[in-house]
Amino acid sequence: MANFAVIGHKGRMGHALAEAIAAAGHQLSVGVDVGGDPCAHASQCDVIVDFSAPEALAANLRAAKAGNTPILIGTTGLGDEHFAMIEEAASAVPVLQTGNTSLGVTLLAHMVREAASKLGPDWDIEVLEMHHRMKVDAPSGTAKLLGEAAAKGRGIALADHMDSGRHGHTGAREEGAIGFATLRGGTVAGEHSVIFAGDEERITLSHSAENRMIFARGAVRGGEWLIGKAPGRYTMEDVLGL
């Protein structure tokens, strides 16, 4: 049995994590929310799971380092400054950061990377995602994760080829671009497709999330795996041994 700390435990993902932690035979020992001090409790747990907000990341990483505790970060909407913080923290403690903790999405990203590496640049790549009306960041962390997988397969930098702002008279599609389309509405937990469009043929790799419990179960499995690892950066692909 492992002792989990959940940051953001009163949110929707926090409630799902509490259920998944109990179902896996572990204990939710610490719950921290807005106004709480994660540093005061980090040493009481075996692993920290953070699904809070980007502005809380610095304090949460300090807590992980202060308690010498592994941390899994599922918070989305992170910027370059946050990734720099994660790199620094990973020199002291194990850090698993991901845009999606679903095991299915992890496998999908692996398949996207493989497909992108095998198909030539004349195959256009488009990432399509839909989420519930309350989601505040776009494209989603998962869409970016899939775009990164496609870019890695092609040996290019996503930042140099990402196209997510089409509007008006845009002209022809740029060769080598990785396009993103974002839909929002209803209570959709998460729909993602990566489309490889060639001349007169098309491949679509897709994943549908029916309930956020899939993310909670994946986060618990990732947290279990992270316990006892050496300091460093890890991914959900490491968890699945891909």
C-alpha atoms as a PDB file:
ATOM      1  CA  MET A   1       0.000   0.000   0.000  1.00  0.00           C
ATOM      2  CA  ALA A   2       1.302   3.436  -0.983  1.00  0.00           C
ATOM      3  CA  ASN A   3       0.425   6.808   0.549  1.00  0.00           C
ATOM      4  CA  PHE A   4      -0.663   9.337  -2.088  1.00  0.00           C
ATOM      5  CA  ALA A   5      -0.828  13.109  -1.833  1.00  0.00           C
ATOM      6  CA  VAL A   6      -3.262  14.748  -4.266  1.00  0.00           C
ATOM      7  CA  ILE A   7      -2.950  18.444  -5.026  1.00  0.00           C
ATOM      8  CA  GLY A   8      -6.289  19.773  -6.200  1.00  0.00           C
ATOM      9  CA  HIS A   9      -8.158  17.012  -4.384  1.00  0.00           C
ATOM     10  CA  LYS A  10     -11.480  18.887  -4.177  1.00  0.00           C
ATOM     11  CA  GLY A  11     -11.770  19.257  -7.957  1.00  0.00           C
ATOM     12  CA  ARG A  12     -13.383  16.832 -10.361  1.00  0.00           C
ATOM     13  CA  MET A  13     -10.110  15.008 -11.035  1.00  0.00           C
ATOM     14  CA  GLY A  14      -9.333  15.047  -7.319  1.00  0.00           C
ATOM     15  CA  HIS A  15     -12.545  13.142  -6.560  1.00  0.00           C
ATOM     16  CA  ALA A  16     -11.800  10.653  -9.350  1.00  0.00           C
ATOM     17  CA  LEU A  17      -8.257  10.171  -8.039  1.00  0.00           C
ATOM     18  CA  ALA A  18      -9.524   9.490  -4.519  1.00  0.00           C
ATOM     19  CA  GLU A  19     -11.755   6.742  -5.911  1.00  0.00           C
ATOM     20  CA  ALA A  20      -8.984   5.261  -8.059  1.00  0.00           C
ATOM     21  CA  ILE A  21      -6.444   5.341  -5.221  1.00  0.00           C
ATOM     22  CA  ALA A  22      -8.817   3.446  -2.934  1.00  0.00           C
ATOM     23  CA  ALA A  23      -9.724   0.947  -5.678  1.00  0.00           C
ATOM     24  CA  ALA A  24      -6.025   0.183  -6.197  1.00  0.00           C
ATOM     25  CA  GLY A  25      -5.588  -0.594  -2.492  1.00  0.00           C
ATOM     26  CA  HIS A  26      -3.671   2.577  -1.634  1.00  0.00           C
ATOM     27  CA  GLN A  27      -4.381   5.462   0.722  1.00  0.00           C
ATOM     28  CA  LEU A  28      -5.044   9.132   0.052  1.00  0.00           C
ATOM     29  CA  SER A  29      -2.973  10.472   2.938  1.00  0.00           C
ATOM     30  CA  VAL A  30      -2.789  14.160   1.992  1.00  0.00           C
ATOM     31  CA  GLY A  31      -5.146  16.441   0.094  1.00  0.00           C
ATOM     32  CA  VAL A  32      -4.109  20.010  -0.714  1.00  0.00           C
ATOM     33  CA  ASP A  33      -6.158  22.750  -2.367  1.00  0.00           C
ATOM     34  CA  VAL A  34      -6.043  26.504  -2.910  1.00  0.00           C
ATOM     35  CA  GLY A  35      -4.509  28.154   0.127  1.00  0.00           C
ATOM     36  CA  GLY A  36      -2.955  24.929   1.409  1.00  0.00           C
ATOM     37  CA  ASP A  37       0.764  24.419   1.919  1.00  0.00           C
ATOM     38  CA  PRO A  38       1.987  21.308   0.065  1.00  0.00           C
ATOM     39  CA  CYS A  39       5.408  21.601   1.724  1.00  0.00           C
ATOM     40  CA  ALA A  40       3.854  20.927   5.129  1.00  0.00           C
ATOM     41  CA  HIS A  41       2.746  17.427   4.091  1.00  0.00           C
ATOM     42  CA  ALA A  42       5.097  16.163   1.355  1.00  0.00           C
ATOM     43  CA  SER A  43       7.163  14.011   3.706  1.00  0.00           C
ATOM     44  CA  GLN A  44       4.004  12.154   4.822  1.00  0.00           C
ATOM     45  CA  CYS A  45       3.469  10.467   1.455  1.00  0.00           C
ATOM     46  CA  ASP A  46       5.192   8.182  -1.042  1.00  0.00           C
ATOM     47  CA  VAL A  47       4.174  10.103  -4.173  1.00  0.00           C
ATOM     48  CA  ILE A  48       2.506  13.417  -5.068  1.00  0.00           C
ATOM     49  CA  VAL A  49      -0.088  13.668  -7.849  1.00  0.00           C
ATOM     50  CA  ASP A  50      -0.704  17.206  -9.098  1.00  0.00           C
ATOM     51  CA  PHE A  51      -3.814  18.078 -11.114  1.00  0.00           C
ATOM     52  CA  SER A  52      -4.129  21.665  -9.896  1.00  0.00           C
ATOM     53  CA  ALA A  53      -3.174  24.749 -11.944  1.00  0.00           C
ATOM     54  CA  PRO A  54      -0.052  26.091 -13.696  1.00  0.00           C
ATOM     55  CA  GLU A  55       0.322  28.921 -11.163  1.00  0.00           C
ATOM     56  CA  ALA A  56       0.619  26.363  -8.356  1.00  0.00           C
ATOM     57  CA  LEU A  57       3.373  24.343 -10.020  1.00  0.00           C
ATOM     58  CA  ALA A  58       6.353  26.175  -8.469  1.00  0.00           C
ATOM     59  CA  ALA A  59       5.090  25.572  -4.918  1.00  0.00           C
ATOM     60  CA  ASN A  60       4.237  21.947  -5.710  1.00  0.00           C
ATOM     61  CA  LEU A  61       7.712  21.256  -7.081  1.00  0.00           C
ATOM     62  CA  ARG A  62       9.259  22.888  -4.004  1.00  0.00           C
ATOM     63  CA  ALA A  63       7.173  20.551  -1.864  1.00  0.00           C
ATOM     64  CA  ALA A  64       8.356  17.506  -3.803  1.00  0.00           C
ATOM     65  CA  LYS A  65      11.996  18.537  -3.399  1.00  0.00           C
ATOM     66  CA  ALA A  66      11.557  19.426   0.282  1.00  0.00           C
ATOM     67  CA  GLY A  67      10.074  16.005   1.033  1.00  0.00           C
ATOM     68  CA  ASN A  68      12.307  14.118  -1.447  1.00  0.00           C
ATOM     69  CA  THR A  69       9.045  12.811  -2.886  1.00  0.00           C
ATOM     70  CA  PRO A  70       8.304  11.719  -6.477  1.00  0.00           C
ATOM     71  CA  ILE A  71       5.728  13.869  -8.257  1.00  0.00           C
ATOM     72  CA  LEU A  72       3.389  13.125 -11.173  1.00  0.00           C
ATOM     73  CA  ILE A  73       2.168  16.267 -12.928  1.00  0.00           C
ATOM     74  CA  GLY A  74      -1.040  16.022 -14.962  1.00  0.00           C
ATOM     75  CA  THR A  75      -1.760  19.760 -14.984  1.00  0.00           C
ATOM     76  CA  THR A  76      -2.223  21.150 -18.507  1.00  0.00           C
ATOM     77  CA  GLY A  77      -1.763  24.643 -19.900  1.00  0.00           C
ATOM     78  CA  LEU A  78       1.939  24.736 -18.954  1.00  0.00           C
ATOM     79  CA  GLY A  79       4.330  27.174 -20.613  1.00  0.00           C
ATOM     80  CA  ASP A  80       8.059  27.250 -21.240  1.00  0.00           C
ATOM     81  CA  GLU A  81       8.728  28.664 -17.778  1.00  0.00           C
ATOM     82  CA  HIS A  82       6.920  25.703 -16.192  1.00  0.00           C
ATOM     83  CA  PHE A  83       8.908  23.163 -18.188  1.00  0.00           C
ATOM     84  CA  ALA A  84      12.108  24.875 -17.070  1.00  0.00           C
ATOM     85  CA  MET A  85      10.963  24.449 -13.439  1.00  0.00           C
ATOM     86  CA  ILE A  86      10.233  20.769 -14.084  1.00  0.00           C
ATOM     87  CA  GLU A  87      13.682  20.197 -15.575  1.00  0.00           C
ATOM     88  CA  GLU A  88      15.303  21.799 -12.538  1.00  0.00           C
ATOM     89  CA  ALA A  89      13.215  19.751 -10.079  1.00  0.00           C
ATOM     90  CA  ALA A  90      13.965  16.520 -11.952  1.00  0.00           C
ATOM     91  CA  SER A  91      17.612  16.856 -10.995  1.00  0.00           C
ATOM     92  CA  ALA A  92      16.540  16.270  -7.379  1.00  0.00           C
ATOM     93  CA  VAL A  93      13.439  14.033  -7.497  1.00  0.00           C
ATOM     94  CA  PRO A  94      11.631  11.736  -9.982  1.00  0.00           C
ATOM     95  CA  VAL A  95       9.153  13.782 -12.065  1.00  0.00           C
ATOM     96  CA  LEU A  96       6.581  12.342 -14.453  1.00  0.00           C
ATOM     97  CA  GLN A  97       4.912  15.107 -16.468  1.00  0.00           C
ATOM     98  CA  THR A  98       2.298  14.360 -19.109  1.00  0.00           C
ATOM     99  CA  GLY A  99      -0.573  15.996 -20.956  1.00  0.00           C
ATOM    100  CA  ASN A 100      -2.659  12.852 -20.453  1.00  0.00           C
ATOM    101  CA  THR A 101      -2.422   9.958 -17.982  1.00  0.00           C
ATOM    102  CA  SER A 102      -4.697   7.614 -19.935  1.00  0.00           C
ATOM    103  CA  LEU A 103      -2.975   4.358 -20.836  1.00  0.00           C
ATOM    104  CA  GLY A 104      -4.923   4.305 -24.106  1.00  0.00           C
ATOM    105  CA  VAL A 105      -3.753   7.793 -25.080  1.00  0.00           C
ATOM    106  CA  THR A 106      -0.193   6.825 -24.172  1.00  0.00           C
ATOM    107  CA  LEU A 107      -0.376   3.920 -26.607  1.00  0.00           C
ATOM    108  CA  LEU A 108      -2.041   6.170 -29.215  1.00  0.00           C
ATOM    109  CA  ALA A 109       0.848   8.656 -29.007  1.00  0.00           C
ATOM    110  CA  HIS A 110       3.280   5.789 -29.562  1.00  0.00           C
ATOM    111  CA  MET A 111       1.332   4.720 -32.665  1.00  0.00           C
ATOM    112  CA  VAL A 112       1.218   8.310 -33.962  1.00  0.00           C
ATOM    113  CA  ARG A 113       4.987   8.642 -33.644  1.00  0.00           C
ATOM    114  CA  GLU A 114       5.518   5.356 -35.472  1.00  0.00           C
ATOM    115  CA  ALA A 115       3.116   6.319 -38.276  1.00  0.00           C
ATOM    116  CA  ALA A 116       4.703   9.748 -38.709  1.00  0.00           C
ATOM    117  CA  SER A 117       8.157   8.184 -38.926  1.00  0.00           C
ATOM    118  CA  LYS A 118       7.079   5.732 -41.650  1.00  0.00           C
ATOM    119  CA  LEU A 119       4.965   8.039 -43.819  1.00  0.00           C
ATOM    120  CA  GLY A 120       6.623  10.735 -45.901  1.00  0.00           C
ATOM    121  CA  PRO A 121       6.181  14.504 -45.621  1.00  0.00           C
ATOM    122  CA  ASP A 122       3.600  14.387 -48.439  1.00  0.00           C
ATOM    123  CA  TRP A 123       1.165  12.968 -45.853  1.00  0.00           C
ATOM    124  CA  ASP A 124      -0.539  15.878 -44.089  1.00  0.00           C
ATOM    125  CA  ILE A 125      -1.067  15.570 -40.323  1.00  0.00           C
ATOM    126  CA  GLU A 126      -4.075  17.073 -38.526  1.00  0.00           C
ATOM    127  CA  VAL A 127      -4.923  16.744 -34.820  1.00  0.00           C
ATOM    128  CA  LEU A 128      -8.616  17.099 -33.926  1.00  0.00           C
ATOM    129  CA  GLU A 129      -9.862  17.323 -30.338  1.00  0.00           C
ATOM    130  CA  MET A 130     -13.139  17.973 -28.510  1.00  0.00           C
ATOM    131  CA  HIS A 131     -13.750  18.588 -24.800  1.00  0.00           C
ATOM    132  CA  HIS A 132     -16.511  19.781 -22.484  1.00  0.00           C
ATOM    133  CA  ARG A 133     -17.590  23.415 -22.479  1.00  0.00           C
ATOM    134  CA  MET A 134     -15.763  24.197 -19.202  1.00  0.00           C
ATOM    135  CA  LYS A 135     -12.238  23.406 -20.443  1.00  0.00           C
ATOM    136  CA  VAL A 136     -10.145  26.576 -20.395  1.00  0.00           C
ATOM    137  CA  ASP A 137      -6.997  25.730 -22.420  1.00  0.00           C
ATOM    138  CA  ALA A 138      -6.749  25.015 -26.142  1.00  0.00           C
ATOM    139  CA  PRO A 139      -5.446  23.014 -27.844  1.00  0.00           C
ATOM    140  CA  SER A 140      -5.683  20.455 -25.088  1.00  0.00           C
ATOM    141  CA  GLY A 141      -2.624  19.030 -23.406  1.00  0.00           C
ATOM    142  CA  THR A 142      -3.434  15.714 -25.053  1.00  0.00           C
ATOM    143  CA  ALA A 143      -3.648  17.286 -28.514  1.00  0.00           C
ATOM    144  CA  LYS A 144      -0.231  18.861 -27.960  1.00  0.00           C
ATOM    145  CA  LEU A 145       1.121  15.525 -26.710  1.00  0.00           C
ATOM    146  CA  LEU A 146      -0.086  13.866 -29.925  1.00  0.00           C
ATOM    147  CA  GLY A 147       1.326  16.690 -32.014  1.00  0.00           C
ATOM    148  CA  GLU A 148       4.673  16.298 -30.253  1.00  0.00           C
ATOM    149  CA  ALA A 149       4.560  12.558 -30.999  1.00  0.00           C
ATOM    150  CA  ALA A 150       3.973  13.274 -34.705  1.00  0.00           C
ATOM    151  CA  ALA A 151       6.763  15.866 -34.764  1.00  0.00           C
ATOM    152  CA  LYS A 152       9.153  13.494 -33.016  1.00  0.00           C
ATOM    153  CA  GLY A 153       8.355  10.806 -35.564  1.00  0.00           C
ATOM    154  CA  ARG A 154       9.276  13.236 -38.334  1.00  0.00           C
ATOM    155  CA  GLY A 155      12.365  14.501 -36.541  1.00  0.00           C
ATOM    156  CA  ILE A 156      11.138  18.097 -36.407  1.00  0.00           C
ATOM    157  CA  ALA A 157      10.216  20.606 -33.699  1.00  0.00           C
ATOM    158  CA  LEU A 158       6.467  21.008 -33.192  1.00  0.00           C
ATOM    159  CA  ALA A 159       6.900  24.700 -32.340  1.00  0.00           C
ATOM    160  CA  ASP A 160       8.235  25.332 -35.851  1.00  0.00           C
ATOM    161  CA  HIS A 161       5.430  23.471 -37.646  1.00  0.00           C
ATOM    162  CA  MET A 162       2.316  23.873 -35.476  1.00  0.00           C
ATOM    163  CA  ASP A 163      -0.715  25.467 -37.177  1.00  0.00           C
ATOM    164  CA  SER A 164      -3.600  26.105 -34.778  1.00  0.00           C
ATOM    165  CA  GLY A 165      -4.844  29.540 -35.856  1.00  0.00           C
ATOM    166  CA  ARG A 166      -6.577  29.133 -39.217  1.00  0.00           C
ATOM    167  CA  HIS A 167      -9.134  31.838 -39.917  1.00  0.00           C
ATOM    168  CA  GLY A 168     -10.176  33.748 -42.975  1.00  0.00           C
ATOM    169  CA  HIS A 169      -8.229  33.579 -46.252  1.00  0.00           C
ATOM    170  CA  THR A 170      -5.247  31.482 -45.158  1.00  0.00           C
ATOM    171  CA  GLY A 171      -3.974  30.290 -48.499  1.00  0.00           C
ATOM    172  CA  ALA A 172      -2.947  26.736 -49.255  1.00  0.00           C
ATOM    173  CA  ARG A 173      -1.851  24.414 -46.481  1.00  0.00           C
ATOM    174  CA  GLU A 174       1.879  24.688 -45.774  1.00  0.00           C
ATOM    175  CA  GLU A 175       3.857  21.545 -46.506  1.00  0.00           C
ATOM    176  CA  GLY A 176       5.037  19.858 -43.306  1.00  0.00           C
ATOM    177  CA  ALA A 177       2.569  21.681 -41.062  1.00  0.00           C
ATOM    178  CA  ILE A 178       0.945  19.830 -38.163  1.00  0.00           C
ATOM    179  CA  GLY A 179      -2.554  21.261 -37.924  1.00  0.00           C
ATOM    180  CA  PHE A 180      -4.779  21.502 -34.859  1.00  0.00           C
ATOM    181  CA  ALA A 181      -8.557  21.911 -34.643  1.00  0.00           C
ATOM    182  CA  THR A 182     -10.334  22.508 -31.323  1.00  0.00           C
ATOM    183  CA  LEU A 183     -13.993  21.853 -30.509  1.00  0.00           C
ATOM    184  CA  ARG A 184     -15.756  22.651 -27.205  1.00  0.00           C
ATOM    185  CA  GLY A 185     -19.240  21.724 -26.035  1.00  0.00           C
ATOM    186  CA  GLY A 186     -21.450  19.695 -23.764  1.00  0.00           C
ATOM    187  CA  THR A 187     -19.895  17.313 -21.276  1.00  0.00           C
ATOM    188  CA  VAL A 188     -17.417  15.521 -23.563  1.00  0.00           C
ATOM    189  CA  ALA A 189     -14.652  13.968 -21.452  1.00  0.00           C
ATOM    190  CA  GLY A 190     -12.195  13.899 -24.334  1.00  0.00           C
ATOM    191  CA  GLU A 191     -12.121  12.969 -28.032  1.00  0.00           C
ATOM    192  CA  HIS A 192      -8.847  12.973 -29.992  1.00  0.00           C
ATOM    193  CA  SER A 193      -8.028  11.961 -33.551  1.00  0.00           C
ATOM    194  CA  VAL A 194      -4.829  12.224 -35.552  1.00  0.00           C
ATOM    195  CA  ILE A 195      -5.469  12.221 -39.289  1.00  0.00           C
ATOM    196  CA  PHE A 196      -2.771  11.304 -41.797  1.00  0.00           C
ATOM    197  CA  ALA A 197      -4.046  12.505 -45.182  1.00  0.00           C
ATOM    198  CA  GLY A 198      -2.199  11.352 -48.287  1.00  0.00           C
ATOM    199  CA  ASP A 199      -3.076  11.397 -51.950  1.00  0.00           C
ATOM    200  CA  GLU A 200      -6.352   9.493 -52.334  1.00  0.00           C
ATOM    201  CA  GLU A 201      -6.033   7.745 -48.955  1.00  0.00           C
ATOM    202  CA  ARG A 202      -6.350   8.649 -45.296  1.00  0.00           C
ATOM    203  CA  ILE A 203      -5.469   7.057 -41.944  1.00  0.00           C
ATOM    204  CA  THR A 204      -7.204   8.117 -38.719  1.00  0.00           C
ATOM    205  CA  LEU A 205      -5.961   7.092 -35.260  1.00  0.00           C
ATOM    206  CA  SER A 206      -8.452   7.933 -32.516  1.00  0.00           C
ATOM    207  CA  HIS A 207      -9.169   7.703 -28.804  1.00  0.00           C
ATOM    208  CA  SER A 208     -12.422   8.356 -26.938  1.00  0.00           C
ATOM    209  CA  ALA A 209     -12.550   9.031 -23.210  1.00  0.00           C
ATOM    210  CA  GLU A 210     -15.923   8.056 -21.763  1.00  0.00           C
ATOM    211  CA  ASN A 211     -15.183   9.027 -18.176  1.00  0.00           C
ATOM    212  CA  ARG A 212     -12.362  10.894 -16.392  1.00  0.00           C
ATOM    213  CA  MET A 213     -11.786   7.761 -14.297  1.00  0.00           C
ATOM    214  CA  ILE A 214      -9.496   6.524 -17.082  1.00  0.00           C
ATOM    215  CA  PHE A 215      -7.163   9.438 -16.332  1.00  0.00           C
ATOM    216  CA  ALA A 216      -7.360   8.802 -12.603  1.00  0.00           C
ATOM    217  CA  ARG A 217      -6.556   5.095 -12.964  1.00  0.00           C
ATOM    218  CA  GLY A 218      -3.661   5.907 -15.278  1.00  0.00           C
ATOM    219  CA  ALA A 219      -2.326   8.501 -12.824  1.00  0.00           C
ATOM    220  CA  VAL A 220      -2.444   5.979  -9.987  1.00  0.00           C
ATOM    221  CA  ARG A 221      -0.569   3.430 -12.085  1.00  0.00           C
ATOM    222  CA  GLY A 222       1.965   6.106 -12.990  1.00  0.00           C
ATOM    223  CA  GLY A 223       2.316   7.103  -9.346  1.00  0.00           C
ATOM    224  CA  GLU A 224       2.880   3.492  -8.309  1.00  0.00           C
ATOM    225  CA  TRP A 225       5.565   3.120 -10.964  1.00  0.00           C
ATOM    226  CA  LEU A 226       7.306   6.368  -9.981  1.00  0.00           C
ATOM    227  CA  ILE A 227       7.893   5.356  -6.353  1.00  0.00           C
ATOM    228  CA  GLY A 228      11.526   4.369  -5.838  1.00  0.00           C
ATOM    229  CA  LYS A 229      12.773   5.696  -9.182  1.00  0.00           C
ATOM    230  CA  ALA A 230      15.950   7.767  -9.444  1.00  0.00           C
ATOM    231  CA  PRO A 231      15.666  11.537  -9.951  1.00  0.00           C
ATOM    232  CA  GLY A 232      14.903  12.420 -13.561  1.00  0.00           C
ATOM    233  CA  ARG A 233      12.208  13.138 -16.158  1.00  0.00           C
ATOM    234  CA  TYR A 234       9.776  10.336 -16.936  1.00  0.00           C
ATOM    235  CA  THR A 235       6.736   9.865 -19.175  1.00  0.00           C
ATOM    236  CA  MET A 236       3.719   7.590 -19.312  1.00  0.00           C
ATOM    237  CA  GLU A 237       5.479   5.715 -22.121  1.00  0.00           C
ATOM    238  CA  ASP A 238       8.108   4.763 -19.544  1.00  0.00           C
ATOM    239  CA  VAL A 239       5.301   3.381 -17.353  1.00  0.00           C
ATOM    240  CA  LEU A 240       4.111   1.133 -20.211  1.00  0.00           C
ATOM    241  CA  GLY A 241       7.680   0.233 -21.239  1.00  0.00           C
ATOM    242  CA  LEU A 242       7.249   1.631 -24.759  1.00  0.00           C
END
